[in-house]
PDB file of all heavy atoms in Angstrom:
ATOM      1  N   GLU A   1       0.753  -1.252  -0.030  1.00  0.00           N
ATOM      2  CA  GLU A   1      -0.006  -0.074  -0.015  1.00  0.00           C
ATOM      3  C   GLU A   1       0.803   1.321   0.079  1.00  0.00           C
ATOM      4  O   GLU A   1       0.318   2.369  -0.301  1.00  0.00           O
ATOM      5  CB  GLU A   1      -0.959  -0.028   1.165  1.00  0.00           C
ATOM      6  CG  GLU A   1      -0.289  -0.084   2.547  1.00  0.00           C
ATOM      7  CD  GLU A   1      -0.209  -1.588   3.119  1.00  0.00           C
ATOM      8  OE1 GLU A   1      -0.195  -2.483   2.221  1.00  0.00           O
ATOM      9  OE2 GLU A   1      -0.278  -1.736   4.323  1.00  0.00           O
ATOM     10  N   MET A   2       2.063   1.149   0.247  1.00  0.00           N
ATOM     11  CA  MET A   2       3.038   2.288   0.145  1.00  0.00           C
ATOM     12  C   MET A   2       3.558   2.586  -1.284  1.00  0.00           C
ATOM     13  O   MET A   2       4.504   3.374  -1.404  1.00  0.00           O
ATOM     14  CB  MET A   2       4.252   2.063   1.101  1.00  0.00           C
ATOM     15  CG  MET A   2       3.861   1.853   2.613  1.00  0.00           C
ATOM     16  SD  MET A   2       2.914   3.240   3.227  1.00  0.00           S
ATOM     17  CE  MET A   2       2.708   2.643   4.982  1.00  0.00           C
ATOM     18  N   GLY A   3       3.233   1.773  -2.283  1.00  0.00           N
ATOM     19  CA  GLY A   3       3.768   1.787  -3.555  1.00  0.00           C
ATOM     20  C   GLY A   3       4.944   0.864  -3.601  1.00  0.00           C
ATOM     21  O   GLY A   3       5.011  -0.110  -2.906  1.00  0.00           O
ATOM     22  N   GLU A   4       6.096   1.303  -4.209  1.00  0.00           N
ATOM     23  CA  GLU A   4       7.310   0.537  -4.293  1.00  0.00           C
ATOM     24  C   GLU A   4       8.390   1.270  -3.584  1.00  0.00           C
ATOM     25  O   GLU A   4       8.985   2.194  -4.096  1.00  0.00           O
ATOM     26  CB  GLU A   4       7.729   0.346  -5.760  1.00  0.00           C
ATOM     27  CG  GLU A   4       8.893  -0.565  -5.962  1.00  0.00           C
ATOM     28  CD  GLU A   4       9.464  -0.642  -7.354  1.00  0.00           C
ATOM     29  OE1 GLU A   4       8.605  -0.379  -8.270  1.00  0.00           O
ATOM     30  OE2 GLU A   4      10.653  -0.937  -7.507  1.00  0.00           O
ATOM     31  N   THR A   5       8.610   0.889  -2.338  1.00  0.00           N
ATOM     32  CA  THR A   5       9.758   1.423  -1.573  1.00  0.00           C
ATOM     33  C   THR A   5      10.940   0.692  -1.904  1.00  0.00           C
ATOM     34  O   THR A   5      11.117  -0.515  -1.877  1.00  0.00           O
ATOM     35  CB  THR A   5       9.470   1.323  -0.086  1.00  0.00           C
ATOM     36  OG1 THR A   5       8.349   2.156   0.322  1.00  0.00           O
ATOM     37  CG2 THR A   5      10.661   1.761   0.748  1.00  0.00           C
ATOM     38  N   ARG A   6      12.009   1.409  -2.253  1.00  0.00           N
ATOM     39  CA  ARG A   6      13.287   0.800  -2.706  1.00  0.00           C
ATOM     40  C   ARG A   6      14.349   0.879  -1.694  1.00  0.00           C
ATOM     41  O   ARG A   6      15.300   0.168  -1.711  1.00  0.00           O
ATOM     42  CB  ARG A   6      13.648   1.428  -4.012  1.00  0.00           C
ATOM     43  CG  ARG A   6      12.684   1.118  -5.143  1.00  0.00           C
ATOM     44  CD  ARG A   6      12.947   1.962  -6.375  1.00  0.00           C
ATOM     45  NE  ARG A   6      11.907   1.630  -7.462  1.00  0.00           N
ATOM     46  CZ  ARG A   6      11.900   2.331  -8.573  1.00  0.00           C
ATOM     47  NH1 ARG A   6      12.641   3.335  -8.797  1.00  0.00           N
ATOM     48  NH2 ARG A   6      10.966   1.874  -9.538  1.00  0.00           N
ATOM     49  N   ALA A   7      14.311   1.926  -0.890  1.00  0.00           N
ATOM     50  CA  ALA A   7      15.431   2.175   0.110  1.00  0.00           C
ATOM     51  C   ALA A   7      14.862   3.023   1.224  1.00  0.00           C
ATOM     52  O   ALA A   7      14.155   3.947   1.027  1.00  0.00           O
ATOM     53  CB  ALA A   7      16.610   2.899  -0.512  1.00  0.00           C
ATOM     54  N   VAL A   8      15.264   2.619   2.472  1.00  0.00           N
ATOM     55  CA  VAL A   8      14.944   3.377   3.665  1.00  0.00           C
ATOM     56  C   VAL A   8      16.199   3.516   4.545  1.00  0.00           C
ATOM     57  O   VAL A   8      16.894   2.432   4.769  1.00  0.00           O
ATOM     58  CB  VAL A   8      13.752   2.794   4.508  1.00  0.00           C
ATOM     59  CG1 VAL A   8      13.603   3.488   5.862  1.00  0.00           C
ATOM     60  CG2 VAL A   8      12.530   2.871   3.676  1.00  0.00           C
ATOM     61  N   ILE A   9      16.541   4.692   4.985  1.00  0.00           N
ATOM     62  CA  ILE A   9      17.637   4.880   5.924  1.00  0.00           C
ATOM     63  C   ILE A   9      17.168   5.731   7.115  1.00  0.00           C
ATOM     64  O   ILE A   9      16.477   6.776   6.867  1.00  0.00           O
ATOM     65  CB  ILE A   9      18.906   5.457   5.335  1.00  0.00           C
ATOM     66  CG1 ILE A   9      19.535   4.496   4.437  1.00  0.00           C
ATOM     67  CG2 ILE A   9      19.885   5.899   6.429  1.00  0.00           C
ATOM     68  CD1 ILE A   9      20.786   4.941   3.656  1.00  0.00           C
ATOM     69  N   VAL A  10      17.452   5.324   8.328  1.00  0.00           N
ATOM     70  CA  VAL A  10      17.086   6.236   9.466  1.00  0.00           C
ATOM     71  C   VAL A  10      18.439   6.479  10.171  1.00  0.00           C
ATOM     72  O   VAL A  10      19.150   5.610  10.512  1.00  0.00           O
ATOM     73  CB  VAL A  10      16.167   5.507  10.506  1.00  0.00           C
ATOM     74  CG1 VAL A  10      15.755   6.519  11.671  1.00  0.00           C
ATOM     75  CG2 VAL A  10      14.833   5.099   9.811  1.00  0.00           C
ATOM     76  N   MET A  11      18.640   7.871  10.443  1.00  0.00           N
ATOM     77  CA  MET A  11      19.911   8.156  11.109  1.00  0.00           C
ATOM     78  C   MET A  11      19.477   8.874  12.395  1.00  0.00           C
ATOM     79  O   MET A  11      18.555   9.769  12.419  1.00  0.00           O
ATOM     80  CB  MET A  11      20.751   9.166  10.206  1.00  0.00           C
ATOM     81  CG  MET A  11      21.387   8.456   9.088  1.00  0.00           C
ATOM     82  SD  MET A  11      22.656   9.488   8.254  1.00  0.00           S
ATOM     83  CE  MET A  11      23.974   9.235   9.346  1.00  0.00           C
ATOM     84  N   LYS A  12      20.057   8.594  13.489  1.00  0.00           N
ATOM     85  CA  LYS A  12      19.871   9.194  14.797  1.00  0.00           C
ATOM     86  C   LYS A  12      21.193   9.686  15.277  1.00  0.00           C
ATOM     87  O   LYS A  12      22.094   9.018  15.500  1.00  0.00           O
ATOM     88  CB  LYS A  12      19.221   8.209  15.801  1.00  0.00           C
ATOM     89  CG  LYS A  12      19.119   8.706  17.258  1.00  0.00           C
ATOM     90  CD  LYS A  12      18.222   9.801  17.362  1.00  0.00           C
ATOM     91  CE  LYS A  12      18.033  10.169  18.930  1.00  0.00           C
ATOM     92  NZ  LYS A  12      17.218  11.428  19.117  1.00  0.00           N
ATOM     93  N   ASN A  13      21.195  11.060  15.512  1.00  0.00           N
ATOM     94  CA  ASN A  13      22.420  11.737  15.994  1.00  0.00           C
ATOM     95  C   ASN A  13      23.713  11.381  15.200  1.00  0.00           C
ATOM     96  O   ASN A  13      24.731  11.065  15.763  1.00  0.00           O
ATOM     97  CB  ASN A  13      22.624  11.394  17.490  1.00  0.00           C
ATOM     98  CG  ASN A  13      21.564  12.007  18.420  1.00  0.00           C
ATOM     99  OD1 ASN A  13      21.048  13.012  18.057  1.00  0.00           O
ATOM    100  ND2 ASN A  13      21.295  11.319  19.460  1.00  0.00           N
ATOM    101  N   GLY A  14      23.503  11.332  13.840  1.00  0.00           N
ATOM    102  CA  GLY A  14      24.633  11.056  12.934  1.00  0.00           C
ATOM    103  C   GLY A  14      25.014   9.631  12.721  1.00  0.00           C
ATOM    104  O   GLY A  14      25.947   9.432  12.019  1.00  0.00           O
ATOM    105  N   ARG A  15      24.229   8.806  13.221  1.00  0.00           N
ATOM    106  CA  ARG A  15      24.544   7.295  13.165  1.00  0.00           C
ATOM    107  C   ARG A  15      23.416   6.594  12.393  1.00  0.00           C
ATOM    108  O   ARG A  15      22.209   6.876  12.748  1.00  0.00           O
ATOM    109  CB  ARG A  15      24.745   6.671  14.456  1.00  0.00           C
ATOM    110  CG  ARG A  15      25.076   5.241  14.540  1.00  0.00           C
ATOM    111  CD  ARG A  15      25.415   4.800  15.895  1.00  0.00           C
ATOM    112  NE  ARG A  15      24.322   4.806  16.821  1.00  0.00           N
ATOM    113  CZ  ARG A  15      23.666   3.745  17.238  1.00  0.00           C
ATOM    114  NH1 ARG A  15      24.041   2.568  17.028  1.00  0.00           N
ATOM    115  NH2 ARG A  15      22.605   3.836  18.085  1.00  0.00           N
ATOM    116  N   ILE A  16      23.725   5.719  11.425  1.00  0.00           N
ATOM    117  CA  ILE A  16      22.725   4.991  10.785  1.00  0.00           C
ATOM    118  C   ILE A  16      22.174   3.869  11.752  1.00  0.00           C
ATOM    119  O   ILE A  16      22.923   3.066  12.238  1.00  0.00           O
ATOM    120  CB  ILE A  16      23.268   4.293   9.529  1.00  0.00           C
ATOM    121  CG1 ILE A  16      23.556   5.240   8.476  1.00  0.00           C
ATOM    122  CG2 ILE A  16      22.201   3.261   9.024  1.00  0.00           C
ATOM    123  CD1 ILE A  16      24.117   4.673   7.120  1.00  0.00           C
ATOM    124  N   VAL A  17      20.932   3.925  12.074  1.00  0.00           N
ATOM    125  CA  VAL A  17      20.273   2.938  13.052  1.00  0.00           C
ATOM    126  C   VAL A  17      19.384   2.039  12.279  1.00  0.00           C
ATOM    127  O   VAL A  17      19.011   0.959  12.863  1.00  0.00           O
ATOM    128  CB  VAL A  17      19.603   3.700  14.214  1.00  0.00           C
ATOM    129  CG1 VAL A  17      20.513   4.424  14.898  1.00  0.00           C
ATOM    130  CG2 VAL A  17      18.422   4.633  13.611  1.00  0.00           C
ATOM    131  N   ALA A  18      18.978   2.302  11.028  1.00  0.00           N
ATOM    132  CA  ALA A  18      18.196   1.373  10.283  1.00  0.00           C
ATOM    133  C   ALA A  18      18.497   1.599   8.819  1.00  0.00           C
ATOM    134  O   ALA A  18      18.612   2.767   8.392  1.00  0.00           O
ATOM    135  CB  ALA A  18      16.753   1.532  10.484  1.00  0.00           C
ATOM    136  N   GLU A  19      18.693   0.491   8.029  1.00  0.00           N
ATOM    137  CA  GLU A  19      18.985   0.738   6.565  1.00  0.00           C
ATOM    138  C   GLU A  19      18.425  -0.631   5.960  1.00  0.00           C
ATOM    139  O   GLU A  19      18.798  -1.694   6.282  1.00  0.00           O
ATOM    140  CB  GLU A  19      20.413   0.797   6.333  1.00  0.00           C
ATOM    141  CG  GLU A  19      20.832   0.922   4.899  1.00  0.00           C
ATOM    142  CD  GLU A  19      22.287   1.156   4.689  1.00  0.00           C
ATOM    143  OE1 GLU A  19      23.119   0.869   5.554  1.00  0.00           O
ATOM    144  OE2 GLU A  19      22.653   1.690   3.564  1.00  0.00           O
ATOM    145  N   ARG A  20      17.569  -0.316   4.845  1.00  0.00           N
ATOM    146  CA  ARG A  20      16.980  -1.562   4.226  1.00  0.00           C
ATOM    147  C   ARG A  20      16.709  -1.158   2.764  1.00  0.00           C
ATOM    148  O   ARG A  20      16.305  -0.147   2.457  1.00  0.00           O
ATOM    149  CB  ARG A  20      15.633  -1.962   4.976  1.00  0.00           C
ATOM    150  CG  ARG A  20      15.010  -3.141   4.333  1.00  0.00           C
ATOM    151  CD  ARG A  20      13.833  -3.640   5.178  1.00  0.00           C
ATOM    152  NE  ARG A  20      13.049  -4.607   4.447  1.00  0.00           N
ATOM    153  CZ  ARG A  20      11.926  -5.089   4.933  1.00  0.00           C
ATOM    154  NH1 ARG A  20      11.449  -4.709   6.192  1.00  0.00           N
ATOM    155  NH2 ARG A  20      11.217  -6.035   4.317  1.00  0.00           N
ATOM    156  N   TYR A  21      16.886  -2.222   1.930  1.00  0.00           N
ATOM    157  CA  TYR A  21      16.728  -2.019   0.460  1.00  0.00           C
ATOM    158  C   TYR A  21      15.778  -3.159  -0.107  1.00  0.00           C
ATOM    159  O   TYR A  21      15.726  -4.287   0.432  1.00  0.00           O
ATOM    160  CB  TYR A  21      17.974  -2.156  -0.228  1.00  0.00           C
ATOM    161  CG  TYR A  21      18.946  -1.039   0.202  1.00  0.00           C
ATOM    162  CD1 TYR A  21      19.942  -1.265   1.252  1.00  0.00           C
ATOM    163  CD2 TYR A  21      18.947   0.193  -0.486  1.00  0.00           C
ATOM    164  CE1 TYR A  21      20.761  -0.291   1.583  1.00  0.00           C
ATOM    165  CE2 TYR A  21      19.882   1.193  -0.132  1.00  0.00           C
ATOM    166  CZ  TYR A  21      20.727   0.934   0.915  1.00  0.00           C
ATOM    167  OH  TYR A  21      21.625   1.908   1.362  1.00  0.00           O
ATOM    168  N   ALA A  22      15.002  -2.754  -1.021  1.00  0.00           N
ATOM    169  CA  ALA A  22      14.190  -3.814  -1.769  1.00  0.00           C
ATOM    170  C   ALA A  22      15.056  -4.676  -2.647  1.00  0.00           C
ATOM    171  O   ALA A  22      16.246  -4.356  -2.903  1.00  0.00           O
ATOM    172  CB  ALA A  22      13.134  -3.156  -2.610  1.00  0.00           C
ATOM    173  N   GLU A  23      14.582  -5.805  -3.017  1.00  0.00           N
ATOM    174  CA  GLU A  23      15.325  -6.673  -3.875  1.00  0.00           C
ATOM    175  C   GLU A  23      15.753  -5.931  -5.203  1.00  0.00           C
ATOM    176  O   GLU A  23      14.943  -5.266  -5.788  1.00  0.00           O
ATOM    177  CB  GLU A  23      14.471  -7.930  -4.143  1.00  0.00           C
ATOM    178  CG  GLU A  23      15.280  -8.976  -4.978  1.00  0.00           C
ATOM    179  CD  GLU A  23      14.445 -10.257  -5.316  1.00  0.00           C
ATOM    180  OE1 GLU A  23      13.311 -10.352  -4.752  1.00  0.00           O
ATOM    181  OE2 GLU A  23      14.936 -11.062  -5.997  1.00  0.00           O
ATOM    182  N   GLY A  24      16.968  -6.007  -5.523  1.00  0.00           N
ATOM    183  CA  GLY A  24      17.405  -5.430  -6.763  1.00  0.00           C
ATOM    184  C   GLY A  24      18.247  -4.004  -6.502  1.00  0.00           C
ATOM    185  O   GLY A  24      18.765  -3.553  -7.367  1.00  0.00           O
ATOM    186  N   TYR A  25      18.155  -3.632  -5.255  1.00  0.00           N
ATOM    187  CA  TYR A  25      18.700  -2.363  -4.958  1.00  0.00           C
ATOM    188  C   TYR A  25      19.610  -2.513  -3.655  1.00  0.00           C
ATOM    189  O   TYR A  25      19.432  -3.414  -2.971  1.00  0.00           O
ATOM    190  CB  TYR A  25      17.651  -1.335  -4.511  1.00  0.00           C
ATOM    191  CG  TYR A  25      16.726  -1.016  -5.623  1.00  0.00           C
ATOM    192  CD1 TYR A  25      15.515  -1.803  -5.698  1.00  0.00           C
ATOM    193  CD2 TYR A  25      16.908  -0.114  -6.631  1.00  0.00           C
ATOM    194  CE1 TYR A  25      14.552  -1.618  -6.852  1.00  0.00           C
ATOM    195  CE2 TYR A  25      16.067   0.069  -7.646  1.00  0.00           C
ATOM    196  CZ  TYR A  25      14.874  -0.671  -7.801  1.00  0.00           C
ATOM    197  OH  TYR A  25      14.019  -0.569  -8.773  1.00  0.00           O
ATOM    198  N   HIS A  26      20.649  -1.720  -3.551  1.00  0.00           N
ATOM    199  CA  HIS A  26      21.642  -1.873  -2.490  1.00  0.00           C
ATOM    200  C   HIS A  26      22.392  -0.527  -2.250  1.00  0.00           C
ATOM    201  O   HIS A  26      21.923   0.593  -2.750  1.00  0.00           O
ATOM    202  CB  HIS A  26      22.687  -2.878  -2.883  1.00  0.00           C
ATOM    203  CG  HIS A  26      23.309  -2.658  -4.239  1.00  0.00           C
ATOM    204  ND1 HIS A  26      24.210  -1.777  -4.627  1.00  0.00           N
ATOM    205  CD2 HIS A  26      22.964  -3.337  -5.435  1.00  0.00           C
ATOM    206  CE1 HIS A  26      24.530  -1.879  -5.862  1.00  0.00           C
ATOM    207  NE2 HIS A  26      23.804  -2.799  -6.477  1.00  0.00           N
ATOM    208  N   GLU A  27      23.269  -0.534  -1.277  1.00  0.00           N
ATOM    209  CA  GLU A  27      23.925   0.846  -0.874  1.00  0.00           C
ATOM    210  C   GLU A  27      24.676   1.503  -1.877  1.00  0.00           C
ATOM    211  O   GLU A  27      24.940   2.654  -1.763  1.00  0.00           O
ATOM    212  CB  GLU A  27      24.852   0.407   0.360  1.00  0.00           C
ATOM    213  CG  GLU A  27      26.064  -0.443   0.115  1.00  0.00           C
ATOM    214  CD  GLU A  27      25.797  -1.920   0.191  1.00  0.00           C
ATOM    215  OE1 GLU A  27      24.590  -2.347   0.293  1.00  0.00           O
ATOM    216  OE2 GLU A  27      26.655  -2.636   0.223  1.00  0.00           O
ATOM    217  N   ASN A  28      25.041   0.749  -3.045  1.00  0.00           N
ATOM    218  CA  ASN A  28      25.706   1.469  -4.118  1.00  0.00           C
ATOM    219  C   ASN A  28      24.837   1.879  -5.258  1.00  0.00           C
ATOM    220  O   ASN A  28      25.287   2.453  -6.300  1.00  0.00           O
ATOM    221  CB  ASN A  28      26.787   0.654  -4.631  1.00  0.00           C
ATOM    222  CG  ASN A  28      27.917   0.350  -3.709  1.00  0.00           C
ATOM    223  OD1 ASN A  28      28.287   1.321  -2.970  1.00  0.00           O
ATOM    224  ND2 ASN A  28      28.335  -0.912  -3.504  1.00  0.00           N
ATOM    225  N   THR A  29      23.460   1.723  -5.194  1.00  0.00           N
ATOM    226  CA  THR A  29      22.505   2.013  -6.202  1.00  0.00           C
ATOM    227  C   THR A  29      22.308   3.569  -6.132  1.00  0.00           C
ATOM    228  O   THR A  29      22.122   4.167  -5.074  1.00  0.00           O
ATOM    229  CB  THR A  29      21.138   1.377  -6.026  1.00  0.00           C
ATOM    230  OG1 THR A  29      21.254  -0.004  -5.985  1.00  0.00           O
ATOM    231  CG2 THR A  29      20.191   1.834  -7.102  1.00  0.00           C
ATOM    232  N   ARG A  30      22.392   4.292  -7.330  1.00  0.00           N
ATOM    233  CA  ARG A  30      22.050   5.632  -7.326  1.00  0.00           C
ATOM    234  C   ARG A  30      20.577   5.819  -7.577  1.00  0.00           C
ATOM    235  O   ARG A  30      20.005   5.180  -8.511  1.00  0.00           O
ATOM    236  CB  ARG A  30      22.808   6.361  -8.462  1.00  0.00           C
ATOM    237  CG  ARG A  30      24.297   6.725  -8.205  1.00  0.00           C
ATOM    238  CD  ARG A  30      24.864   7.586  -9.252  1.00  0.00           C
ATOM    239  NE  ARG A  30      26.195   7.981  -9.083  1.00  0.00           N
ATOM    240  CZ  ARG A  30      27.328   7.509  -9.637  1.00  0.00           C
ATOM    241  NH1 ARG A  30      27.057   6.552 -10.569  1.00  0.00           N
ATOM    242  NH2 ARG A  30      28.428   7.981  -9.442  1.00  0.00           N
ATOM    243  N   PHE A  31      19.976   6.690  -6.798  1.00  0.00           N
ATOM    244  CA  PHE A  31      18.455   6.947  -6.958  1.00  0.00           C
ATOM    245  C   PHE A  31      18.278   8.329  -7.551  1.00  0.00           C
ATOM    246  O   PHE A  31      19.047   9.272  -7.144  1.00  0.00           O
ATOM    247  CB  PHE A  31      17.780   6.780  -5.593  1.00  0.00           C
ATOM    248  CG  PHE A  31      17.991   5.405  -5.039  1.00  0.00           C
ATOM    249  CD1 PHE A  31      18.943   5.044  -4.277  1.00  0.00           C
ATOM    250  CD2 PHE A  31      16.970   4.462  -5.379  1.00  0.00           C
ATOM    251  CE1 PHE A  31      19.045   3.715  -3.745  1.00  0.00           C
ATOM    252  CE2 PHE A  31      16.946   3.081  -4.803  1.00  0.00           C
ATOM    253  CZ  PHE A  31      17.999   2.846  -4.006  1.00  0.00           C
ATOM    254  N   VAL A  32      17.259   8.494  -8.229  1.00  0.00           N
ATOM    255  CA  VAL A  32      17.006   9.810  -8.847  1.00  0.00           C
ATOM    256  C   VAL A  32      16.384  10.740  -7.819  1.00  0.00           C
ATOM    257  O   VAL A  32      15.535  10.278  -7.028  1.00  0.00           O
ATOM    258  CB  VAL A  32      16.095   9.684 -10.142  1.00  0.00           C
ATOM    259  CG1 VAL A  32      14.731   9.116  -9.852  1.00  0.00           C
ATOM    260  CG2 VAL A  32      15.967  11.005 -10.818  1.00  0.00           C
ATOM    261  N   SER A  33      16.733  11.942  -7.796  1.00  0.00           N
ATOM    262  CA  SER A  33      16.214  12.861  -6.877  1.00  0.00           C
ATOM    263  C   SER A  33      14.849  13.365  -7.121  1.00  0.00           C
ATOM    264  O   SER A  33      14.083  13.586  -6.143  1.00  0.00           O
ATOM    265  CB  SER A  33      17.114  14.128  -6.828  1.00  0.00           C
ATOM    266  OG  SER A  33      17.052  14.788  -7.984  1.00  0.00           O
ATOM    267  N   TRP A  34      14.432  13.474  -8.322  1.00  0.00           N
ATOM    268  CA  TRP A  34      13.331  14.332  -8.753  1.00  0.00           C
ATOM    269  C   TRP A  34      13.452  15.710  -8.043  1.00  0.00           C
ATOM    270  O   TRP A  34      14.581  16.253  -7.985  1.00  0.00           O
ATOM    271  CB  TRP A  34      12.009  13.605  -8.593  1.00  0.00           C
ATOM    272  CG  TRP A  34      11.808  12.413  -9.545  1.00  0.00           C
ATOM    273  CD1 TRP A  34      11.636  11.162  -9.247  1.00  0.00           C
ATOM    274  CD2 TRP A  34      11.706  12.505 -10.941  1.00  0.00           C
ATOM    275  NE1 TRP A  34      11.539  10.417 -10.384  1.00  0.00           N
ATOM    276  CE2 TRP A  34      11.608  11.235 -11.524  1.00  0.00           C
ATOM    277  CE3 TRP A  34      11.965  13.577 -11.927  1.00  0.00           C
ATOM    278  CZ2 TRP A  34      11.592  10.863 -12.777  1.00  0.00           C
ATOM    279  CZ3 TRP A  34      11.859  13.318 -13.298  1.00  0.00           C
ATOM    280  CH2 TRP A  34      11.681  11.943 -13.745  1.00  0.00           C
TER     281      TRP A  34
END
């Protein structure tokens, strides 16, 4: 119901505390800004 989420990152006080990618995407994938 959220559409197609491809990447999520949560940072708290400068530290990554959550990071997840959909299948086919990863930390080196470039995403378009729009």
